[in-house]
PDB file of N, CA and C in Angstrom:
ATOM      1  N   MET A   1     136.363  79.707  91.796  1.00  0.00           N
ATOM      2  CA  MET A   1     135.203  80.636  92.059  1.00  0.00           C
ATOM      3  C   MET A   1     134.203  80.559  91.122  1.00  0.00           C
ATOM      4  N   ALA A   2     132.856  81.016  90.912  1.00  0.00           N
ATOM      5  CA  ALA A   2     132.256  81.031  89.740  1.00  0.00           C
ATOM      6  C   ALA A   2     131.971  82.876  89.763  1.00  0.00           C
ATOM      7  N   ASP A   3     131.929  83.271  88.617  1.00  0.00           N
ATOM      8  CA  ASP A   3     131.287  84.409  88.363  1.00  0.00           C
ATOM      9  C   ASP A   3     130.164  84.987  89.069  1.00  0.00           C
ATOM     10  N   LYS A   4     130.215  85.984  89.840  1.00  0.00           N
ATOM     11  CA  LYS A   4     128.897  86.114  90.267  1.00  0.00           C
ATOM     12  C   LYS A   4     128.404  88.134  89.526  1.00  0.00           C
ATOM     13  N   PRO A   5     127.289  87.527  88.745  1.00  0.00           N
ATOM     14  CA  PRO A   5     127.074  88.911  87.967  1.00  0.00           C
ATOM     15  C   PRO A   5     126.537  90.422  89.003  1.00  0.00           C
ATOM     16  N   SER A   6     127.481  91.074  88.845  1.00  0.00           N
ATOM     17  CA  SER A   6     127.407  92.457  89.719  1.00  0.00           C
ATOM     18  C   SER A   6     126.310  93.188  89.612  1.00  0.00           C
ATOM     19  N   THR A   7     125.772  93.793  90.737  1.00  0.00           N
ATOM     20  CA  THR A   7     124.798  95.040  90.575  1.00  0.00           C
ATOM     21  C   THR A   7     125.200  96.408  90.185  1.00  0.00           C
ATOM     22  N   PRO A   8     124.555  96.711  89.473  1.00  0.00           N
ATOM     23  CA  PRO A   8     125.289  98.267  89.332  1.00  0.00           C
ATOM     24  C   PRO A   8     125.098  98.939  90.850  1.00  0.00           C
ATOM     25  N   LEU A   9     125.634 100.001  90.559  1.00  0.00           N
ATOM     26  CA  LEU A   9     125.655 101.185  91.980  1.00  0.00           C
ATOM     27  C   LEU A   9     124.288 101.720  92.054  1.00  0.00           C
ATOM     28  N   LEU A  10     123.878 102.426  90.962  1.00  0.00           N
ATOM     29  CA  LEU A  10     122.416 102.815  91.332  1.00  0.00           C
ATOM     30  C   LEU A  10     121.493 101.801  91.495  1.00  0.00           C
ATOM     31  N   ALA A  11     121.066 100.166  91.345  1.00  0.00           N
ATOM     32  CA  ALA A  11     120.212  99.553  92.029  1.00  0.00           C
ATOM     33  C   ALA A  11     120.752  99.332  93.279  1.00  0.00           C
ATOM     34  N   LYS A  12     122.084  99.227  93.568  1.00  0.00           N
ATOM     35  CA  LYS A  12     122.090  98.877  95.291  1.00  0.00           C
ATOM     36  C   LYS A  12     122.196 100.121  95.438  1.00  0.00           C
ATOM     37  N   LEU A  13     121.742 101.438  95.760  1.00  0.00           N
ATOM     38  CA  LEU A  13     121.519 102.415  96.244  1.00  0.00           C
ATOM     39  C   LEU A  13     119.792 102.670  96.059  1.00  0.00           C
ATOM     40  N   VAL A  14     119.170 101.848  95.528  1.00  0.00           N
ATOM     41  CA  VAL A  14     117.872 102.247  95.311  1.00  0.00           C
ATOM     42  C   VAL A  14     117.162 100.967  96.327  1.00  0.00           C
ATOM     43  N   GLY A  15     118.271 100.024  96.276  1.00  0.00           N
ATOM     44  CA  GLY A  15     117.608  98.759  97.368  1.00  0.00           C
ATOM     45  C   GLY A  15     117.683  99.536  98.576  1.00  0.00           C
ATOM     46  N   LEU A  16     119.328 100.033  98.850  1.00  0.00           N
ATOM     47  CA  LEU A  16     119.106 100.612 100.501  1.00  0.00           C
ATOM     48  C   LEU A  16     117.910 101.935 100.914  1.00  0.00           C
ATOM     49  N   ALA A  17     117.744 102.496 100.253  1.00  0.00           N
ATOM     50  CA  ALA A  17     116.700 103.765  99.842  1.00  0.00           C
ATOM     51  C   ALA A  17     115.688 102.752 100.593  1.00  0.00           C
ATOM     52  N   ALA A  18     114.922 101.874  99.932  1.00  0.00           N
ATOM     53  CA  ALA A  18     113.642 101.388 100.059  1.00  0.00           C
ATOM     54  C   ALA A  18     113.648 100.119 101.128  1.00  0.00           C
ATOM     55  N   ALA A  19     115.083  99.781 101.325  1.00  0.00           N
ATOM     56  CA  ALA A  19     115.188  98.747 102.511  1.00  0.00           C
ATOM     57  C   ALA A  19     115.261 100.216 103.985  1.00  0.00           C
ATOM     58  N   GLY A  20     115.615 101.145 103.753  1.00  0.00           N
ATOM     59  CA  GLY A  20     115.755 102.622 104.727  1.00  0.00           C
ATOM     60  C   GLY A  20     113.869 102.742 105.217  1.00  0.00           C
ATOM     61  N   LEU A  21     113.327 103.302 103.804  1.00  0.00           N
ATOM     62  CA  LEU A  21     111.957 103.520 103.772  1.00  0.00           C
ATOM     63  C   LEU A  21     110.949 102.437 104.718  1.00  0.00           C
ATOM     64  N   ALA A  22     110.973 101.182 104.353  1.00  0.00           N
ATOM     65  CA  ALA A  22     110.811 100.116 104.238  1.00  0.00           C
ATOM     66  C   ALA A  22     110.853  99.488 105.962  1.00  0.00           C
ATOM     67  N   ALA A  23     111.864 100.143 106.476  1.00  0.00           N
ATOM     68  CA  ALA A  23     112.034  99.973 108.384  1.00  0.00           C
ATOM     69  C   ALA A  23     111.388 101.165 108.749  1.00  0.00           C
ATOM     70  N   PHE A  24     111.195 102.218 108.465  1.00  0.00           N
ATOM     71  CA  PHE A  24     110.692 103.428 108.846  1.00  0.00           C
ATOM     72  C   PHE A  24     108.986 103.289 108.966  1.00  0.00           C
ATOM     73  N   VAL A  25     108.779 102.531 107.606  1.00  0.00           N
ATOM     74  CA  VAL A  25     107.463 102.084 107.485  1.00  0.00           C
ATOM     75  C   VAL A  25     106.896 101.257 108.516  1.00  0.00           C
ATOM     76  N   ALA A  26     107.554 100.344 109.130  1.00  0.00           N
ATOM     77  CA  ALA A  26     107.113  99.265 109.507  1.00  0.00           C
ATOM     78  C   ALA A  26     107.186  99.762 111.382  1.00  0.00           C
ATOM     79  N   THR A  27     107.914 100.496 111.208  1.00  0.00           N
ATOM     80  CA  THR A  27     108.688 100.967 113.312  1.00  0.00           C
ATOM     81  C   THR A  27     106.905 101.846 113.310  1.00  0.00           C
ATOM     82  N   GLN A  28     106.699 103.387 112.119  1.00  0.00           N
ATOM     83  CA  GLN A  28     105.547 103.672 112.290  1.00  0.00           C
ATOM     84  C   GLN A  28     104.259 102.996 112.307  1.00  0.00           C
ATOM     85  N   VAL A  29     104.539 101.653 111.764  1.00  0.00           N
ATOM     86  CA  VAL A  29     103.089 100.691 111.660  1.00  0.00           C
ATOM     87  C   VAL A  29     102.808  99.899 113.030  1.00  0.00           C
ATOM     88  N   VAL A  30     104.292  99.400 113.440  1.00  0.00           N
ATOM     89  CA  VAL A  30     104.069  99.081 114.883  1.00  0.00           C
ATOM     90  C   VAL A  30     103.825 100.337 116.188  1.00  0.00           C
ATOM     91  N   ASN A  31     104.393 101.718 115.629  1.00  0.00           N
ATOM     92  CA  ASN A  31     104.046 102.408 116.886  1.00  0.00           C
ATOM     93  C   ASN A  31     102.608 102.450 117.125  1.00  0.00           C
ATOM     94  N   GLN A  32     101.631 102.340 116.070  1.00  0.00           N
ATOM     95  CA  GLN A  32     100.178 103.089 115.776  1.00  0.00           C
ATOM     96  C   GLN A  32      99.540 101.891 116.098  1.00  0.00           C
ATOM     97  N   SER A  33      99.992 100.795 115.855  1.00  0.00           N
ATOM     98  CA  SER A  33      98.803  99.775 116.624  1.00  0.00           C
ATOM     99  C   SER A  33      99.218  99.945 117.797  1.00  0.00           C
ATOM    100  N   TRP A  34     100.551  99.725 118.721  1.00  0.00           N
ATOM    101  CA  TRP A  34     100.380  99.775 119.978  1.00  0.00           C
ATOM    102  C   TRP A  34      99.524 100.581 120.776  1.00  0.00           C
ATOM    103  N   GLN A  35      99.833 101.929 119.801  1.00  0.00           N
ATOM    104  CA  GLN A  35      98.998 103.069 120.314  1.00  0.00           C
ATOM    105  C   GLN A  35      97.563 102.878 120.307  1.00  0.00           C
ATOM    106  N   ALA A  36      97.139 102.532 119.528  1.00  0.00           N
ATOM    107  CA  ALA A  36      95.840 101.448 119.200  1.00  0.00           C
ATOM    108  C   ALA A  36      95.247 100.531 120.143  1.00  0.00           C
ATOM    109  N   ALA A  37      96.095  99.460 120.549  1.00  0.00           N
ATOM    110  CA  ALA A  37      96.057  98.686 121.332  1.00  0.00           C
ATOM    111  C   ALA A  37      96.139  99.069 122.805  1.00  0.00           C
ATOM    112  N   ARG A  38      97.191  99.368 123.405  1.00  0.00           N
ATOM    113  CA  ARG A  38      97.569  99.894 124.545  1.00  0.00           C
ATOM    114  C   ARG A  38      97.857 101.403 124.888  1.00  0.00           C
ATOM    115  N   GLY A  39      96.944 102.315 124.487  1.00  0.00           N
ATOM    116  CA  GLY A  39      96.836 103.742 124.810  1.00  0.00           C
ATOM    117  C   GLY A  39      98.109 104.477 125.359  1.00  0.00           C
ATOM    118  N   HIS A  40      98.818 103.929 124.345  1.00  0.00           N
ATOM    119  CA  HIS A  40     100.681 104.878 124.521  1.00  0.00           C
ATOM    120  C   HIS A  40     101.813 104.272 123.820  1.00  0.00           C
ATOM    121  N   LYS A  41     102.523 104.800 123.362  1.00  0.00           N
ATOM    122  CA  LYS A  41     103.582 104.293 122.398  1.00  0.00           C
ATOM    123  C   LYS A  41     104.482 103.182 123.074  1.00  0.00           C
ATOM    124  N   PRO A  42     105.142 102.701 122.111  1.00  0.00           N
ATOM    125  CA  PRO A  42     106.231 101.083 122.683  1.00  0.00           C
ATOM    126  C   PRO A  42     106.916 102.381 123.990  1.00  0.00           C
ATOM    127  N   PRO A  43     107.590 101.268 124.855  1.00  0.00           N
ATOM    128  CA  PRO A  43     108.100 102.094 125.298  1.00  0.00           C
ATOM    129  C   PRO A  43     109.963 101.744 124.683  1.00  0.00           C
ATOM    130  N   LYS A  44     110.798 103.108 124.878  1.00  0.00           N
ATOM    131  CA  LYS A  44     112.128 103.476 124.207  1.00  0.00           C
ATOM    132  C   LYS A  44     113.100 102.823 125.732  1.00  0.00           C
ATOM    133  N   ALA A  45     113.891 102.399 124.968  1.00  0.00           N
ATOM    134  CA  ALA A  45     115.380 102.228 125.713  1.00  0.00           C
ATOM    135  C   ALA A  45     115.268 103.762 126.984  1.00  0.00           C
ATOM    136  N   GLU A  46     115.241 104.620 126.479  1.00  0.00           N
ATOM    137  CA  GLU A  46     115.440 106.285 126.984  1.00  0.00           C
ATOM    138  C   GLU A  46     114.723 106.735 128.028  1.00  0.00           C
ATOM    139  N   ASP A  47     113.406 106.042 127.961  1.00  0.00           N
ATOM    140  CA  ASP A  47     112.078 105.935 128.812  1.00  0.00           C
ATOM    141  C   ASP A  47     112.905 105.775 130.350  1.00  0.00           C
ATOM    142  N   PRO A  48     111.541 106.253 131.278  1.00  0.00           N
ATOM    143  CA  PRO A  48     112.058 106.256 132.271  1.00  0.00           C
ATOM    144  C   PRO A  48     111.490 104.712 132.793  1.00  0.00           C
ATOM    145  N   GLY A  49     111.501 103.986 134.056  1.00  0.00           N
ATOM    146  CA  GLY A  49     111.237 102.479 134.456  1.00  0.00           C
ATOM    147  C   GLY A  49     109.971 102.995 134.510  1.00  0.00           C
ATOM    148  N   ASP A  50     109.232 103.240 133.761  1.00  0.00           N
ATOM    149  CA  ASP A  50     107.491 102.936 134.361  1.00  0.00           C
ATOM    150  C   ASP A  50     106.768 101.511 133.754  1.00  0.00           C
ATOM    151  N   SER A  51     107.949 100.978 132.674  1.00  0.00           N
ATOM    152  CA  SER A  51     107.228  99.913 131.624  1.00  0.00           C
ATOM    153  C   SER A  51     108.422  98.178 132.199  1.00  0.00           C
ATOM    154  N   GLY A  52     107.349  97.651 132.706  1.00  0.00           N
ATOM    155  CA  GLY A  52     107.403  96.340 132.762  1.00  0.00           C
ATOM    156  C   GLY A  52     108.303  95.644 131.167  1.00  0.00           C
ATOM    157  N   LEU A  53     108.982  94.568 132.190  1.00  0.00           N
ATOM    158  CA  LEU A  53     110.091  93.897 131.055  1.00  0.00           C
ATOM    159  C   LEU A  53     109.405  93.055 130.535  1.00  0.00           C
ATOM    160  N   ALA A  54     108.687  92.669 130.547  1.00  0.00           N
ATOM    161  CA  ALA A  54     107.365  92.097 129.533  1.00  0.00           C
ATOM    162  C   ALA A  54     106.724  93.044 128.518  1.00  0.00           C
ATOM    163  N   GLU A  55     106.795  93.826 129.024  1.00  0.00           N
ATOM    164  CA  GLU A  55     106.001  95.205 127.803  1.00  0.00           C
ATOM    165  C   GLU A  55     107.468  95.840 126.639  1.00  0.00           C
ATOM    166  N   ILE A  56     108.434  95.992 127.493  1.00  0.00           N
ATOM    167  CA  ILE A  56     109.499  96.128 126.922  1.00  0.00           C
ATOM    168  C   ILE A  56     109.858  95.038 125.634  1.00  0.00           C
ATOM    169  N   VAL A  57     109.756  93.731 126.260  1.00  0.00           N
ATOM    170  CA  VAL A  57     110.308  92.681 125.101  1.00  0.00           C
ATOM    171  C   VAL A  57     109.497  92.299 124.395  1.00  0.00           C
ATOM    172  N   VAL A  58     108.202  92.647 124.581  1.00  0.00           N
ATOM    173  CA  VAL A  58     107.373  92.465 123.248  1.00  0.00           C
ATOM    174  C   VAL A  58     107.228  93.432 122.334  1.00  0.00           C
ATOM    175  N   ALA A  59     107.713  94.685 122.531  1.00  0.00           N
ATOM    176  CA  ALA A  59     107.643  96.192 122.117  1.00  0.00           C
ATOM    177  C   ALA A  59     108.812  95.371 121.314  1.00  0.00           C
ATOM    178  N   ALA A  60     110.163  94.752 121.767  1.00  0.00           N
ATOM    179  CA  ALA A  60     111.203  95.171 120.533  1.00  0.00           C
ATOM    180  C   ALA A  60     110.864  93.985 119.687  1.00  0.00           C
ATOM    181  N   ALA A  61     110.388  93.052 120.098  1.00  0.00           N
ATOM    182  CA  ALA A  61     110.276  92.015 119.290  1.00  0.00           C
ATOM    183  C   ALA A  61     109.138  91.804 118.121  1.00  0.00           C
ATOM    184  N   LEU A  62     108.400  92.889 118.470  1.00  0.00           N
ATOM    185  CA  LEU A  62     107.329  93.269 117.382  1.00  0.00           C
ATOM    186  C   LEU A  62     107.790  94.166 116.439  1.00  0.00           C
ATOM    187  N   THR A  63     108.544  95.202 116.658  1.00  0.00           N
ATOM    188  CA  THR A  63     109.502  96.166 116.372  1.00  0.00           C
ATOM    189  C   THR A  63     110.467  95.195 115.613  1.00  0.00           C
ATOM    190  N   GLY A  64     111.295  94.927 115.921  1.00  0.00           N
ATOM    191  CA  GLY A  64     112.195  94.068 115.302  1.00  0.00           C
ATOM    192  C   GLY A  64     111.836  93.370 114.055  1.00  0.00           C
ATOM    193  N   ALA A  65     110.446  92.054 114.303  1.00  0.00           N
ATOM    194  CA  ALA A  65     110.079  91.626 113.140  1.00  0.00           C
ATOM    195  C   ALA A  65     109.430  92.198 112.171  1.00  0.00           C
ATOM    196  N   ALA A  66     108.853  93.338 112.940  1.00  0.00           N
ATOM    197  CA  ALA A  66     108.433  93.451 111.903  1.00  0.00           C
ATOM    198  C   ALA A  66     109.440  94.879 110.582  1.00  0.00           C
ATOM    199  N   VAL A  67     110.174  95.396 111.085  1.00  0.00           N
ATOM    200  CA  VAL A  67     111.317  95.610 110.520  1.00  0.00           C
ATOM    201  C   VAL A  67     111.986  94.936 109.490  1.00  0.00           C
ATOM    202  N   SER A  68     112.469  93.640 109.754  1.00  0.00           N
ATOM    203  CA  SER A  68     113.498  92.101 109.269  1.00  0.00           C
ATOM    204  C   SER A  68     112.404  91.944 108.316  1.00  0.00           C
ATOM    205  N   ILE A  69     111.131  92.062 108.347  1.00  0.00           N
ATOM    206  CA  ILE A  69     110.265  91.288 107.075  1.00  0.00           C
ATOM    207  C   ILE A  69     110.027  92.550 106.121  1.00  0.00           C
ATOM    208  N   ALA A  70     110.130  93.669 106.237  1.00  0.00           N
ATOM    209  CA  ALA A  70     109.770  94.517 105.486  1.00  0.00           C
ATOM    210  C   ALA A  70     111.048  95.086 104.693  1.00  0.00           C
ATOM    211  N   ARG A  71     111.979  95.118 105.676  1.00  0.00           N
ATOM    212  CA  ARG A  71     113.606  94.719 104.745  1.00  0.00           C
ATOM    213  C   ARG A  71     113.783  93.690 103.861  1.00  0.00           C
ATOM    214  N   VAL A  72     113.268  92.477 104.279  1.00  0.00           N
ATOM    215  CA  VAL A  72     113.761  91.066 103.511  1.00  0.00           C
ATOM    216  C   VAL A  72     112.667  91.951 102.340  1.00  0.00           C
ATOM    217  N   PHE A  73     111.593  92.181 102.287  1.00  0.00           N
ATOM    218  CA  PHE A  73     110.496  92.278 101.286  1.00  0.00           C
ATOM    219  C   PHE A  73     110.828  93.559 100.224  1.00  0.00           C
ATOM    220  N   ALA A  74     111.445  94.505 100.593  1.00  0.00           N
ATOM    221  CA  ALA A  74     112.299  95.845  99.805  1.00  0.00           C
ATOM    222  C   ALA A  74     113.313  95.109  99.328  1.00  0.00           C
ATOM    223  N   THR A  75     114.373  94.518 100.010  1.00  0.00           N
ATOM    224  CA  THR A  75     115.057  93.994  99.177  1.00  0.00           C
ATOM    225  C   THR A  75     115.297  93.087  98.154  1.00  0.00           C
ATOM    226  N   ARG A  76     114.540  92.333  97.874  1.00  0.00           N
ATOM    227  CA  ARG A  76     113.802  91.038  97.113  1.00  0.00           C
ATOM    228  C   ARG A  76     113.498  91.853  96.075  1.00  0.00           C
ATOM    229  N   GLY A  77     112.471  93.046  96.506  1.00  0.00           N
ATOM    230  CA  GLY A  77     111.633  93.700  95.399  1.00  0.00           C
ATOM    231  C   GLY A  77     112.884  94.655  94.808  1.00  0.00           C
ATOM    232  N   THR A  78     113.831  95.286  95.160  1.00  0.00           N
ATOM    233  CA  THR A  78     114.534  95.518  93.994  1.00  0.00           C
ATOM    234  C   THR A  78     115.441  94.942  93.503  1.00  0.00           C
ATOM    235  N   ALA A  79     115.534  93.857  94.088  1.00  0.00           N
ATOM    236  CA  ALA A  79     116.597  93.133  93.698  1.00  0.00           C
ATOM    237  C   ALA A  79     115.920  92.165  92.025  1.00  0.00           C
ATOM    238  N   LYS A  80     114.859  91.918  92.122  1.00  0.00           N
ATOM    239  CA  LYS A  80     113.855  91.712  90.838  1.00  0.00           C
ATOM    240  C   LYS A  80     114.107  92.902  89.671  1.00  0.00           C
ATOM    241  N   LEU A  81     113.711  94.033  90.556  1.00  0.00           N
ATOM    242  CA  LEU A  81     113.815  95.634  89.976  1.00  0.00           C
ATOM    243  C   LEU A  81     115.088  95.520  88.673  1.00  0.00           C
ATOM    244  N   ALA A  82     115.712  95.187  89.650  1.00  0.00           N
ATOM    245  CA  ALA A  82     117.429  95.019  89.147  1.00  0.00           C
ATOM    246  C   ALA A  82     117.746  94.090  88.300  1.00  0.00           C
ATOM    247  N   ALA A  83     117.205  92.776  88.323  1.00  0.00           N
ATOM    248  CA  ALA A  83     117.419  91.814  87.213  1.00  0.00           C
ATOM    249  C   ALA A  83     116.506  91.963  85.967  1.00  0.00           C
ATOM    250  N   ARG A  84     115.590  93.053  85.911  1.00  0.00           N
ATOM    251  CA  ARG A  84     114.927  93.104  85.113  1.00  0.00           C
ATOM    252  C   ARG A  84     115.789  94.217  83.996  1.00  0.00           C
ATOM    253  N   SER A  85     116.106  94.621  84.501  1.00  0.00           N
ATOM    254  CA  SER A  85     116.899  95.534  83.653  1.00  0.00           C
ATOM    255  C   SER A  85     118.305  95.382  83.254  1.00  0.00           C
TER     256      SER A  85
END
C-alpha cells in the first residue's frame, strides 16, 4: 500500500469546524430564501401536517444540496490550506 501523507490533527479540526459552519450558513441561506419566496419558513419534520408532500420534498432537496455543496467547498479549502503548511 502506498503511504498516504497524514493530515495534522489541527488541520482536521479546522476542517471539521469549517464544514460545520458552512453547513449552518447554507441552511440559513436556504431558510431566508424560502421565507422571501414563499412567505414562511421551510417545513420541518416536527411541523404539523399543513405542508404538502411536494413542498416538503423540495425544501429537503434544496437544503440538502446547499449543505452538501457548502461542506465540499469548505473541506476542499481547508485541505488546500493544510497542504500549504
